[in-house]
N, C-alpha and C. Protein backbone atom coordinates (compact mmCIF):
# COMPACT_ATOMS: atom_id res chain seq x y z
N MET A 1 200.66 129.81 -61.73
CA MET A 1 200.43 130.23 -60.92
C MET A 1 199.78 130.31 -60.38
N GLN A 2 199.69 132.13 -60.95
CA GLN A 2 198.19 133.04 -61.28
C GLN A 2 196.61 132.78 -60.63
N PRO A 3 196.25 131.58 -61.18
CA PRO A 3 195.34 131.00 -60.34
C PRO A 3 195.15 131.14 -59.66
N LEU A 4 196.20 130.14 -58.60
CA LEU A 4 196.16 130.60 -57.04
C LEU A 4 195.99 131.65 -56.26
N ILE A 5 196.80 132.55 -56.91
CA ILE A 5 196.16 133.78 -56.18
C ILE A 5 195.76 134.00 -56.85
N ASP A 6 195.10 134.17 -57.31
CA ASP A 6 194.04 134.78 -57.50
C ASP A 6 192.98 134.05 -56.90
N ASN A 7 192.72 133.24 -56.82
CA ASN A 7 191.91 132.82 -56.22
C ASN A 7 192.13 132.33 -54.37
N ALA A 8 192.86 133.31 -54.17
CA ALA A 8 193.30 133.42 -52.64
C ALA A 8 193.08 134.80 -52.90
N ARG A 9 192.82 135.57 -53.29
CA ARG A 9 192.39 136.95 -52.86
C ARG A 9 191.19 136.65 -52.33
N MET A 10 190.35 136.08 -53.36
CA MET A 10 188.98 135.54 -53.22
C MET A 10 189.00 134.97 -52.27
N PHE A 11 189.13 134.52 -52.11
CA PHE A 11 189.06 133.48 -50.50
C PHE A 11 189.06 134.61 -49.40
N GLY A 12 190.13 135.11 -49.12
CA GLY A 12 189.91 136.21 -47.88
C GLY A 12 188.81 136.97 -48.02
N GLN A 13 188.10 137.37 -49.15
CA GLN A 13 186.38 138.24 -49.15
C GLN A 13 185.75 137.05 -48.82
N ARG A 14 185.55 136.79 -48.02
CA ARG A 14 184.68 135.61 -47.41
C ARG A 14 184.46 135.44 -45.75
N PRO A 15 185.17 137.47 -45.09
CA PRO A 15 185.63 136.47 -43.38
C PRO A 15 184.56 135.86 -42.90
N GLU A 16 183.24 135.84 -42.82
CA GLU A 16 182.11 135.53 -42.30
C GLU A 16 182.38 134.09 -41.57
N GLU A 17 182.37 134.09 -42.96
CA GLU A 17 182.50 131.75 -42.91
C GLU A 17 183.93 131.27 -42.30
N PHE A 18 185.24 132.06 -42.04
CA PHE A 18 186.30 131.89 -40.92
C PHE A 18 186.16 132.48 -39.84
N ALA A 19 185.53 132.74 -39.21
CA ALA A 19 185.28 133.22 -37.82
C ALA A 19 185.29 133.14 -37.37
N GLY A 20 184.33 131.23 -37.09
CA GLY A 20 184.72 130.10 -35.84
C GLY A 20 186.04 129.77 -35.52
N HIS A 21 186.70 129.70 -36.53
CA HIS A 21 188.23 129.43 -36.02
C HIS A 21 188.80 129.47 -35.68
N ALA A 22 188.84 131.08 -35.13
CA ALA A 22 189.74 131.62 -34.27
C ALA A 22 189.02 131.44 -33.08
N GLU A 23 188.31 130.52 -33.04
CA GLU A 23 187.99 129.94 -31.43
C GLU A 23 188.90 128.66 -31.26
N GLY A 24 189.45 128.38 -32.31
CA GLY A 24 190.25 126.93 -32.02
C GLY A 24 190.00 125.67 -32.47
N GLN A 25 190.53 124.90 -33.07
CA GLN A 25 190.52 123.59 -33.69
C GLN A 25 189.94 122.49 -32.76
N SER A 26 189.31 121.49 -32.94
CA SER A 26 189.22 119.60 -32.15
C SER A 26 188.99 119.44 -33.61
N PRO A 27 189.65 118.25 -34.82
CA PRO A 27 189.57 117.67 -35.04
C PRO A 27 189.06 116.77 -34.53
N GLU A 28 188.50 115.21 -35.51
CA GLU A 28 188.95 114.25 -35.04
C GLU A 28 189.25 113.06 -35.13
N VAL A 29 189.97 113.22 -36.22
CA VAL A 29 190.93 112.04 -37.74
C VAL A 29 192.49 113.75 -37.98
N LEU A 30 193.59 112.39 -37.35
CA LEU A 30 194.55 112.55 -37.78
C LEU A 30 195.27 112.01 -38.81
N PHE A 31 194.72 112.43 -40.44
CA PHE A 31 195.07 111.77 -41.57
C PHE A 31 196.74 112.07 -41.97
N ILE A 32 196.95 111.01 -42.20
CA ILE A 32 198.53 111.29 -42.02
C ILE A 32 198.36 110.51 -43.69
N THR A 33 198.76 111.11 -44.77
CA THR A 33 199.31 110.80 -46.12
C THR A 33 200.39 111.01 -46.83
N CYS A 34 200.29 111.30 -48.09
CA CYS A 34 201.49 111.43 -48.97
C CYS A 34 202.11 113.30 -49.40
N SER A 35 202.83 113.68 -49.38
CA SER A 35 202.85 114.68 -49.58
C SER A 35 202.74 115.30 -51.43
N ASP A 36 202.37 114.07 -52.09
CA ASP A 36 202.19 113.95 -53.39
C ASP A 36 200.59 115.15 -54.11
N SER A 37 200.81 115.83 -54.82
CA SER A 37 200.25 116.81 -54.99
C SER A 37 198.40 116.02 -55.29
N ARG A 38 198.20 115.20 -55.89
CA ARG A 38 197.54 114.37 -56.58
C ARG A 38 196.34 113.66 -55.66
N VAL A 39 197.26 113.85 -54.09
CA VAL A 39 196.76 113.71 -52.69
C VAL A 39 196.03 114.68 -52.12
N VAL A 40 194.73 114.21 -51.35
CA VAL A 40 194.29 116.00 -51.13
C VAL A 40 193.35 115.38 -50.28
N PRO A 41 193.64 115.51 -49.08
CA PRO A 41 192.35 114.92 -47.71
C PRO A 41 191.28 115.45 -48.10
N ALA A 42 191.11 116.73 -47.99
CA ALA A 42 190.03 117.26 -47.64
C ALA A 42 188.74 117.11 -48.69
N LEU A 43 189.63 117.01 -50.16
CA LEU A 43 188.68 116.19 -51.64
C LEU A 43 188.22 114.87 -51.16
N ILE A 44 189.17 114.37 -50.85
CA ILE A 44 189.30 112.42 -50.38
C ILE A 44 187.48 112.43 -49.53
N THR A 45 187.54 113.18 -48.59
CA THR A 45 186.94 113.00 -47.58
C THR A 45 186.22 113.96 -47.80
N GLY A 46 185.52 114.91 -48.00
CA GLY A 46 184.86 115.87 -47.84
C GLY A 46 184.93 116.51 -46.87
N ALA A 47 186.13 116.73 -46.25
CA ALA A 47 186.12 117.49 -45.21
C ALA A 47 185.96 119.08 -45.06
N ARG A 48 185.47 119.39 -44.05
CA ARG A 48 185.51 120.94 -43.68
C ARG A 48 187.10 121.31 -43.01
N PRO A 49 187.03 122.70 -43.02
CA PRO A 49 188.30 122.77 -41.78
C PRO A 49 187.92 122.72 -40.19
N GLY A 50 189.19 122.34 -39.93
CA GLY A 50 188.91 121.70 -38.99
C GLY A 50 188.37 120.66 -38.29
N GLN A 51 188.49 119.81 -39.49
CA GLN A 51 187.61 118.20 -39.32
C GLN A 51 189.13 117.12 -39.20
N LEU A 52 189.70 117.68 -39.90
CA LEU A 52 191.35 117.15 -39.89
C LEU A 52 192.87 117.39 -39.60
N PHE A 53 193.04 116.97 -38.95
CA PHE A 53 194.32 116.84 -38.81
C PHE A 53 195.89 116.69 -39.51
N GLU A 54 196.18 116.90 -40.29
CA GLU A 54 196.63 116.28 -41.25
C GLU A 54 198.26 116.45 -41.24
N LEU A 55 198.94 115.47 -41.06
CA LEU A 55 200.59 115.66 -41.16
C LEU A 55 201.05 114.44 -43.33
N ARG A 56 201.42 115.35 -43.45
CA ARG A 56 201.98 114.84 -44.61
C ARG A 56 203.77 114.61 -44.87
N THR A 57 203.94 113.80 -45.33
CA THR A 57 205.32 113.46 -45.70
C THR A 57 205.04 112.26 -46.51
N ALA A 58 206.49 111.95 -47.32
CA ALA A 58 206.71 111.89 -49.00
C ALA A 58 207.15 110.59 -48.43
N GLY A 59 206.13 109.48 -49.07
CA GLY A 59 205.26 108.46 -48.63
C GLY A 59 204.94 107.75 -47.71
N ASN A 60 203.88 109.13 -47.17
CA ASN A 60 203.39 108.57 -45.78
C ASN A 60 203.74 108.09 -44.26
N ILE A 61 205.31 108.43 -44.85
CA ILE A 61 206.53 107.26 -43.60
C ILE A 61 205.59 107.87 -42.29
N VAL A 62 205.87 107.02 -41.17
CA VAL A 62 205.48 107.90 -39.92
C VAL A 62 206.82 107.03 -39.45
N PRO A 63 207.84 108.16 -39.01
CA PRO A 63 209.00 107.28 -38.33
C PRO A 63 209.26 106.55 -37.04
N PRO A 64 209.87 106.17 -37.16
CA PRO A 64 209.99 105.48 -35.69
C PRO A 64 210.86 106.31 -34.51
N HIS A 65 209.50 106.16 -33.30
CA HIS A 65 209.47 107.16 -32.85
C HIS A 65 210.87 106.39 -31.21
N THR A 66 211.78 107.60 -31.43
CA THR A 66 212.85 108.21 -30.32
C THR A 66 212.58 108.96 -29.94
N SER A 67 212.52 109.03 -28.43
CA SER A 67 213.33 110.29 -27.31
C SER A 67 213.96 111.02 -27.03
N GLU A 68 215.02 110.74 -28.05
CA GLU A 68 216.42 110.91 -28.01
C GLU A 68 216.24 112.05 -29.11
N HIS A 69 215.71 111.80 -29.78
CA HIS A 69 215.35 112.55 -31.16
C HIS A 69 214.55 112.32 -32.00
N PRO A 70 213.56 114.21 -31.38
CA PRO A 70 212.43 114.68 -31.86
C PRO A 70 211.78 114.77 -33.80
N CYS A 71 211.28 115.01 -33.82
CA CYS A 71 211.03 115.07 -35.10
C CYS A 71 209.83 115.65 -35.19
N ALA A 72 209.46 116.33 -36.67
CA ALA A 72 208.46 117.15 -36.83
C ALA A 72 207.30 116.36 -36.36
N GLU A 73 207.30 114.95 -37.05
CA GLU A 73 206.69 113.41 -37.39
C GLU A 73 205.89 113.72 -36.21
N ALA A 74 206.79 112.97 -35.67
CA ALA A 74 206.80 112.96 -34.13
C ALA A 74 205.85 113.25 -33.36
N ALA A 75 205.83 115.33 -33.29
CA ALA A 75 205.75 115.48 -32.83
C ALA A 75 204.21 116.27 -33.37
N THR A 76 203.99 115.97 -34.28
CA THR A 76 202.59 116.04 -34.96
C THR A 76 201.60 115.23 -34.67
N VAL A 77 202.37 113.95 -34.71
CA VAL A 77 201.18 112.38 -34.02
C VAL A 77 201.14 112.66 -32.25
N GLU A 78 202.06 113.44 -31.90
CA GLU A 78 201.82 113.58 -30.26
C GLU A 78 200.97 114.47 -30.08
N TYR A 79 200.85 115.47 -30.48
CA TYR A 79 199.83 116.64 -30.42
C TYR A 79 198.59 116.59 -30.66
N ALA A 80 198.58 115.63 -32.24
CA ALA A 80 197.08 115.40 -32.19
C ALA A 80 196.53 114.34 -31.34
N VAL A 81 197.08 113.46 -30.41
CA VAL A 81 196.73 112.53 -30.12
C VAL A 81 196.43 113.13 -28.15
N GLN A 82 197.35 113.79 -28.09
CA GLN A 82 197.60 114.05 -26.59
C GLN A 82 196.79 115.28 -26.04
N VAL A 83 196.97 116.62 -27.08
CA VAL A 83 196.40 117.69 -27.18
C VAL A 83 194.77 117.99 -27.64
N LEU A 84 194.88 117.70 -28.95
CA LEU A 84 193.89 117.81 -29.47
C LEU A 84 192.95 116.01 -29.31
N GLY A 85 193.10 115.28 -28.82
CA GLY A 85 192.43 114.13 -28.59
C GLY A 85 191.83 113.11 -29.86
N VAL A 86 192.31 113.18 -30.78
CA VAL A 86 191.93 112.66 -32.82
C VAL A 86 191.01 111.39 -30.81
N ALA A 87 190.26 111.06 -32.30
CA ALA A 87 189.56 109.69 -32.00
C ALA A 87 189.79 108.28 -32.63
N ASP A 88 190.57 109.16 -34.28
CA ASP A 88 191.30 108.48 -35.22
C ASP A 88 192.26 108.98 -35.91
N ILE A 89 192.72 107.67 -36.13
CA ILE A 89 194.17 108.22 -37.19
C ILE A 89 194.31 107.60 -38.32
N VAL A 90 194.15 108.19 -39.12
CA VAL A 90 194.62 107.40 -41.06
C VAL A 90 195.35 107.46 -41.75
N VAL A 91 196.06 106.08 -42.08
CA VAL A 91 197.41 106.12 -42.52
C VAL A 91 197.00 106.17 -44.28
N CYS A 92 196.95 106.95 -45.54
CA CYS A 92 196.49 106.83 -46.28
C CYS A 92 197.51 106.90 -47.00
N GLY A 93 197.84 105.79 -47.97
CA GLY A 93 198.94 105.65 -49.19
C GLY A 93 198.45 105.20 -50.48
N HIS A 94 198.93 105.72 -51.73
CA HIS A 94 197.97 106.06 -52.82
C HIS A 94 198.66 105.73 -53.86
N SER A 95 198.13 105.26 -55.20
CA SER A 95 198.47 104.11 -55.94
C SER A 95 199.49 105.74 -56.80
N HIS A 96 200.46 104.85 -57.27
CA HIS A 96 201.55 105.77 -58.35
C HIS A 96 202.10 106.11 -57.04
N CYS A 97 202.62 105.61 -55.86
CA CYS A 97 203.43 106.48 -55.55
C CYS A 97 204.90 106.38 -55.21
N GLY A 98 205.24 107.88 -56.28
CA GLY A 98 206.95 108.04 -56.48
C GLY A 98 207.58 107.13 -55.53
N ALA A 99 207.28 107.18 -53.70
CA ALA A 99 208.74 107.09 -53.79
C ALA A 99 208.15 105.83 -52.70
N VAL A 100 207.01 105.08 -52.89
CA VAL A 100 207.35 103.67 -52.55
C VAL A 100 207.95 102.71 -54.24
N GLY A 101 207.85 103.37 -54.83
CA GLY A 101 208.15 102.25 -56.35
C GLY A 101 209.29 103.42 -56.42
N ALA A 102 209.69 103.34 -55.80
CA ALA A 102 210.92 104.05 -55.90
C ALA A 102 212.11 102.71 -54.96
N LEU A 103 211.24 102.31 -54.29
CA LEU A 103 211.74 101.43 -52.78
C LEU A 103 211.71 99.85 -53.72
N VAL A 104 210.46 100.10 -54.32
CA VAL A 104 210.23 98.41 -55.61
C VAL A 104 211.40 98.44 -55.99
N ARG A 105 211.74 99.68 -57.20
CA ARG A 105 211.85 99.38 -58.19
C ARG A 105 214.28 99.24 -58.30
N GLY A 106 213.88 99.76 -56.65
CA GLY A 106 215.39 100.29 -56.10
C GLY A 106 215.95 100.71 -57.30
N ASP A 107 215.34 102.23 -57.65
CA ASP A 107 215.75 103.24 -58.43
C ASP A 107 217.23 104.02 -57.21
N ASP A 108 217.82 104.07 -58.44
CA ASP A 108 219.29 105.55 -57.97
C ASP A 108 218.58 106.59 -57.76
N LEU A 109 218.55 106.66 -56.37
CA LEU A 109 218.23 108.02 -55.34
C LEU A 109 219.88 109.01 -54.80
N THR A 110 220.88 108.61 -55.48
CA THR A 110 222.05 109.53 -54.55
C THR A 110 222.21 110.21 -55.12
N ALA A 111 221.25 111.30 -56.87
CA ALA A 111 220.91 113.00 -56.72
C ALA A 111 219.78 113.97 -55.94
N VAL A 112 219.11 112.62 -55.06
CA VAL A 112 218.46 113.02 -53.55
C VAL A 112 218.75 112.41 -52.86
N PRO A 113 219.50 113.05 -52.13
CA PRO A 113 220.30 112.35 -51.18
C PRO A 113 219.30 112.43 -49.82
N ALA A 114 218.66 112.96 -49.47
CA ALA A 114 217.83 113.37 -48.86
C ALA A 114 216.40 112.77 -48.85
N VAL A 115 216.00 112.51 -49.74
CA VAL A 115 215.02 111.75 -50.30
C VAL A 115 215.36 110.38 -49.79
N ARG A 116 216.37 110.08 -50.25
CA ARG A 116 217.52 108.17 -50.63
C ARG A 116 217.20 108.28 -48.93
N ASP A 117 217.51 108.79 -48.16
CA ASP A 117 217.52 109.02 -46.00
C ASP A 117 216.49 108.92 -46.13
N TRP A 118 215.27 109.67 -46.27
CA TRP A 118 213.99 109.61 -45.63
C TRP A 118 214.01 108.29 -45.73
N LEU A 119 213.63 107.81 -46.89
CA LEU A 119 213.25 106.28 -47.62
C LEU A 119 213.38 105.64 -46.86
N ALA A 120 214.69 105.47 -46.20
CA ALA A 120 215.52 104.42 -45.52
C ALA A 120 214.42 104.29 -44.52
N HIS A 121 213.75 105.07 -43.59
CA HIS A 121 212.45 105.72 -42.60
C HIS A 121 211.65 104.40 -43.17
N ALA A 122 212.00 103.66 -44.18
CA ALA A 122 210.36 103.10 -44.31
C ALA A 122 210.26 101.92 -43.48
N ALA A 123 209.29 101.80 -42.59
CA ALA A 123 209.21 100.60 -41.80
C ALA A 123 210.47 99.17 -42.82
N ASP A 124 209.19 98.26 -43.21
CA ASP A 124 209.99 97.47 -43.51
C ASP A 124 210.34 97.44 -44.95
N GLU A 125 210.81 97.07 -46.30
CA GLU A 125 210.66 96.95 -47.61
C GLU A 125 209.51 95.80 -48.36
N PRO A 126 208.90 97.87 -49.06
CA PRO A 126 208.29 97.06 -49.46
C PRO A 126 208.03 95.38 -50.15
N LYS A 127 206.82 95.39 -50.14
CA LYS A 127 206.19 94.23 -50.29
C LYS A 127 206.83 93.41 -51.98
N PRO A 128 207.45 92.53 -52.53
CA PRO A 128 207.89 92.18 -54.07
C PRO A 128 206.44 92.26 -54.70
N CYS A 129 206.50 93.29 -55.89
CA CYS A 129 205.23 93.01 -57.02
C CYS A 129 206.19 93.43 -58.34
N ASP A 130 205.30 93.21 -59.11
CA ASP A 130 205.93 93.70 -60.15
C ASP A 130 206.10 95.18 -60.64
N PRO A 131 207.33 95.33 -60.41
CA PRO A 131 208.16 96.84 -60.43
C PRO A 131 207.46 97.46 -61.97
N ALA A 132 207.04 96.97 -63.42
CA ALA A 132 206.44 97.20 -63.70
C ALA A 132 205.03 97.86 -63.91
N ASP A 133 204.24 97.58 -63.06
CA ASP A 133 202.96 98.23 -62.39
C ASP A 133 203.01 99.46 -61.92
N PRO A 134 202.92 100.29 -62.48
CA PRO A 134 202.85 102.44 -62.69
C PRO A 134 201.90 102.18 -60.46
N THR A 135 200.94 101.21 -60.76
CA THR A 135 200.13 102.01 -59.29
C THR A 135 200.89 100.94 -58.12
N VAL A 136 201.66 100.37 -57.89
CA VAL A 136 202.42 99.51 -57.36
C VAL A 136 201.60 99.91 -56.32
N ALA A 137 200.55 98.81 -55.98
CA ALA A 137 198.99 99.02 -55.60
C ALA A 137 199.12 98.02 -54.12
N GLU A 138 200.13 96.69 -54.36
CA GLU A 138 200.07 95.83 -53.11
C GLU A 138 201.18 96.52 -52.54
N ALA A 139 202.16 96.74 -52.96
CA ALA A 139 203.86 97.03 -52.20
C ALA A 139 202.79 98.74 -51.73
N VAL A 140 202.31 99.49 -52.07
CA VAL A 140 202.08 100.36 -51.57
C VAL A 140 200.85 100.16 -50.14
N GLN A 141 200.11 98.97 -49.52
CA GLN A 141 199.33 98.91 -49.10
C GLN A 141 199.23 97.53 -48.20
N HIS A 142 201.03 97.41 -48.92
CA HIS A 142 201.96 96.98 -47.63
C HIS A 142 202.67 97.49 -47.01
N HIS A 143 203.11 98.53 -47.69
CA HIS A 143 204.13 100.13 -46.43
C HIS A 143 202.94 101.04 -45.41
N VAL A 144 201.38 100.81 -46.05
CA VAL A 144 200.68 101.75 -45.44
C VAL A 144 200.16 100.20 -43.51
N LEU A 145 200.24 99.42 -44.17
CA LEU A 145 200.46 98.32 -42.80
C LEU A 145 202.28 98.49 -42.32
N ALA A 146 202.93 98.54 -42.60
CA ALA A 146 204.05 98.77 -41.23
C ALA A 146 203.62 99.73 -40.79
N GLN A 147 203.41 101.34 -41.59
CA GLN A 147 203.04 102.50 -41.11
C GLN A 147 202.13 102.49 -40.15
N LEU A 148 201.26 101.89 -40.09
CA LEU A 148 200.21 101.29 -38.68
C LEU A 148 201.58 100.68 -37.81
N LEU A 149 201.85 99.51 -38.08
CA LEU A 149 203.02 99.06 -37.05
C LEU A 149 203.10 99.99 -36.20
N ARG A 150 204.30 101.08 -36.76
CA ARG A 150 205.34 102.06 -36.73
C ARG A 150 204.22 102.66 -35.47
N LEU A 151 203.28 103.38 -35.99
CA LEU A 151 202.20 104.31 -34.77
C LEU A 151 202.26 103.38 -33.71
N ARG A 152 202.17 101.97 -33.84
CA ARG A 152 201.39 101.33 -32.26
C ARG A 152 202.79 101.69 -31.85
N SER A 153 203.65 102.23 -32.23
CA SER A 153 205.54 101.98 -31.12
C SER A 153 205.80 103.19 -30.85
N TYR A 154 203.97 104.80 -31.09
CA TYR A 154 203.98 105.83 -30.02
C TYR A 154 203.34 105.22 -28.22
N PRO A 155 204.31 106.37 -27.83
CA PRO A 155 204.27 105.82 -26.40
C PRO A 155 202.05 106.86 -26.62
N CYS A 156 201.97 107.46 -27.27
CA CYS A 156 200.66 107.93 -26.60
C CYS A 156 200.03 107.28 -27.39
N VAL A 157 200.32 106.92 -28.71
CA VAL A 157 199.23 105.73 -29.29
C VAL A 157 198.98 104.40 -28.53
N GLU A 158 199.54 104.50 -28.42
CA GLU A 158 199.23 102.68 -27.22
C GLU A 158 198.68 103.01 -26.62
N GLN A 159 199.26 104.02 -25.45
CA GLN A 159 198.22 104.48 -24.58
C GLN A 159 196.94 104.31 -25.10
N ARG A 160 196.14 105.03 -26.28
CA ARG A 160 194.91 105.30 -26.56
C ARG A 160 194.19 103.91 -27.01
N LEU A 161 195.14 103.56 -27.59
CA LEU A 161 194.44 102.69 -27.87
C LEU A 161 194.60 101.46 -26.47
N ALA A 162 195.07 101.50 -25.72
CA ALA A 162 194.68 100.55 -24.67
C ALA A 162 193.94 100.89 -24.36
N ASP A 163 193.88 102.25 -23.96
CA ASP A 163 192.03 102.20 -22.96
C ASP A 163 190.53 102.58 -24.31
N GLY A 164 191.27 101.71 -25.34
CA GLY A 164 189.90 102.35 -26.29
C GLY A 164 189.29 103.73 -26.73
N ARG A 165 190.38 104.94 -26.31
CA ARG A 165 190.27 106.04 -26.65
C ARG A 165 191.05 106.35 -28.11
N LEU A 166 190.95 105.67 -28.62
CA LEU A 166 191.87 105.77 -30.47
C LEU A 166 191.79 104.56 -31.64
N ARG A 167 191.32 104.79 -32.43
CA ARG A 167 191.39 103.31 -33.77
C ARG A 167 192.16 104.27 -34.12
N LEU A 168 193.20 103.15 -35.18
CA LEU A 168 193.97 103.33 -36.49
C LEU A 168 193.07 102.65 -37.30
N HIS A 169 193.62 103.39 -38.55
CA HIS A 169 192.81 103.03 -39.74
C HIS A 169 194.23 103.15 -40.90
N GLY A 170 194.09 102.14 -42.10
CA GLY A 170 194.61 102.10 -43.07
C GLY A 170 193.66 102.10 -44.99
N TRP A 171 194.24 102.82 -44.91
CA TRP A 171 193.36 103.52 -46.14
C TRP A 171 194.03 103.46 -47.34
N TYR A 172 193.60 103.14 -48.78
CA TYR A 172 194.49 103.17 -50.11
C TYR A 172 193.75 103.47 -51.02
N TYR A 173 194.77 104.71 -51.90
CA TYR A 173 193.51 105.80 -52.56
C TYR A 173 194.08 105.38 -53.62
N GLU A 174 193.32 105.72 -54.93
CA GLU A 174 193.29 105.20 -56.35
C GLU A 174 193.20 106.18 -56.76
N VAL A 175 194.71 107.37 -57.37
CA VAL A 175 194.43 108.51 -57.45
C VAL A 175 194.02 108.54 -59.56
N HIS A 176 194.33 107.32 -59.96
CA HIS A 176 193.45 107.91 -61.45
C HIS A 176 192.23 107.35 -60.89
N THR A 177 191.79 106.93 -60.08
CA THR A 177 190.03 106.63 -59.96
C THR A 177 188.71 107.14 -59.24
N GLY A 178 189.99 107.70 -57.84
CA GLY A 178 189.38 108.15 -56.87
C GLY A 178 189.06 107.25 -56.18
N LEU A 179 189.06 106.15 -56.08
CA LEU A 179 188.16 105.22 -55.05
C LEU A 179 189.69 105.30 -54.13
N VAL A 180 188.51 104.47 -52.66
CA VAL A 180 189.31 104.64 -51.41
C VAL A 180 188.76 103.10 -50.95
N ARG A 181 189.73 102.12 -50.55
CA ARG A 181 189.60 101.04 -50.62
C ARG A 181 190.51 101.14 -48.38
N ALA A 182 189.79 100.08 -47.51
CA ALA A 182 190.00 100.55 -46.27
C ALA A 182 190.62 99.32 -45.85
N HIS A 183 191.49 99.17 -45.34
CA HIS A 183 192.37 98.15 -44.81
C HIS A 183 191.26 97.38 -44.06
N ARG A 184 190.92 95.45 -43.85
CA ARG A 184 189.90 94.85 -42.92
C ARG A 184 190.35 94.09 -42.54
N ALA A 185 190.83 94.00 -40.75
CA ALA A 185 191.71 93.18 -39.93
C ALA A 185 190.92 91.95 -40.14
N ASP A 186 189.89 91.56 -40.53
CA ASP A 186 189.02 90.31 -40.16
C ASP A 186 189.01 89.52 -41.56
N THR A 187 189.16 90.25 -42.76
CA THR A 187 190.07 89.80 -44.09
C THR A 187 191.45 90.32 -44.06
N ASP A 188 192.13 91.26 -43.31
CA ASP A 188 193.29 91.46 -43.92
C ASP A 188 193.13 91.32 -45.50
N ALA A 189 192.27 92.29 -45.78
CA ALA A 189 192.68 93.04 -47.26
C ALA A 189 191.90 94.27 -47.45
N PHE A 190 192.56 94.51 -48.22
CA PHE A 190 191.80 96.18 -48.35
C PHE A 190 190.41 96.45 -49.69
N GLU A 191 189.59 96.75 -48.41
CA GLU A 191 188.62 96.79 -50.11
C GLU A 191 187.71 98.06 -49.67
N THR A 192 186.82 98.11 -50.91
CA THR A 192 186.22 99.37 -51.14
C THR A 192 185.21 99.82 -49.81
N LEU A 193 185.57 101.28 -49.52
CA LEU A 193 184.90 101.84 -48.46
C LEU A 193 183.54 101.79 -48.95
């Protein structure tokens, strides 16, 4: 923890770098990804403060849209689209994902009931793959596409897609190589950016 504290102390000693942030934010992208500490959106994309609006959830899960039971994730999507006017939404899954891996392997999650119940939100059962494969690449890529489909059911997303003001992107990040693959609709495959 001490290195983090030391950096935080140094970070605040450059106020001139941050003065402009007081005027507001206007990110162009909502970046939805996993809470995994190895996935760092600004590092992956080279984004500077104010360029990405981030939503991080265990397993990069986008819960079903429902007006009866609003949740923080739905509020974040709605705010990004309706208030900030982001032009793009990226759903980024990653290799070695513990959440998708647990689903693929059928892990017993009774000791972590909140995790178990959260993973019940995973749109579809992950694509069957070799449970011995630690990357769970195929299952994660299928899961990313399921989350993109789920996003399309949000009224604000559906409206912006229909009028051409929003684009959706599915990415897969390899934590062991740094490689990023993007889903291409024309080939229905994840290809290196």
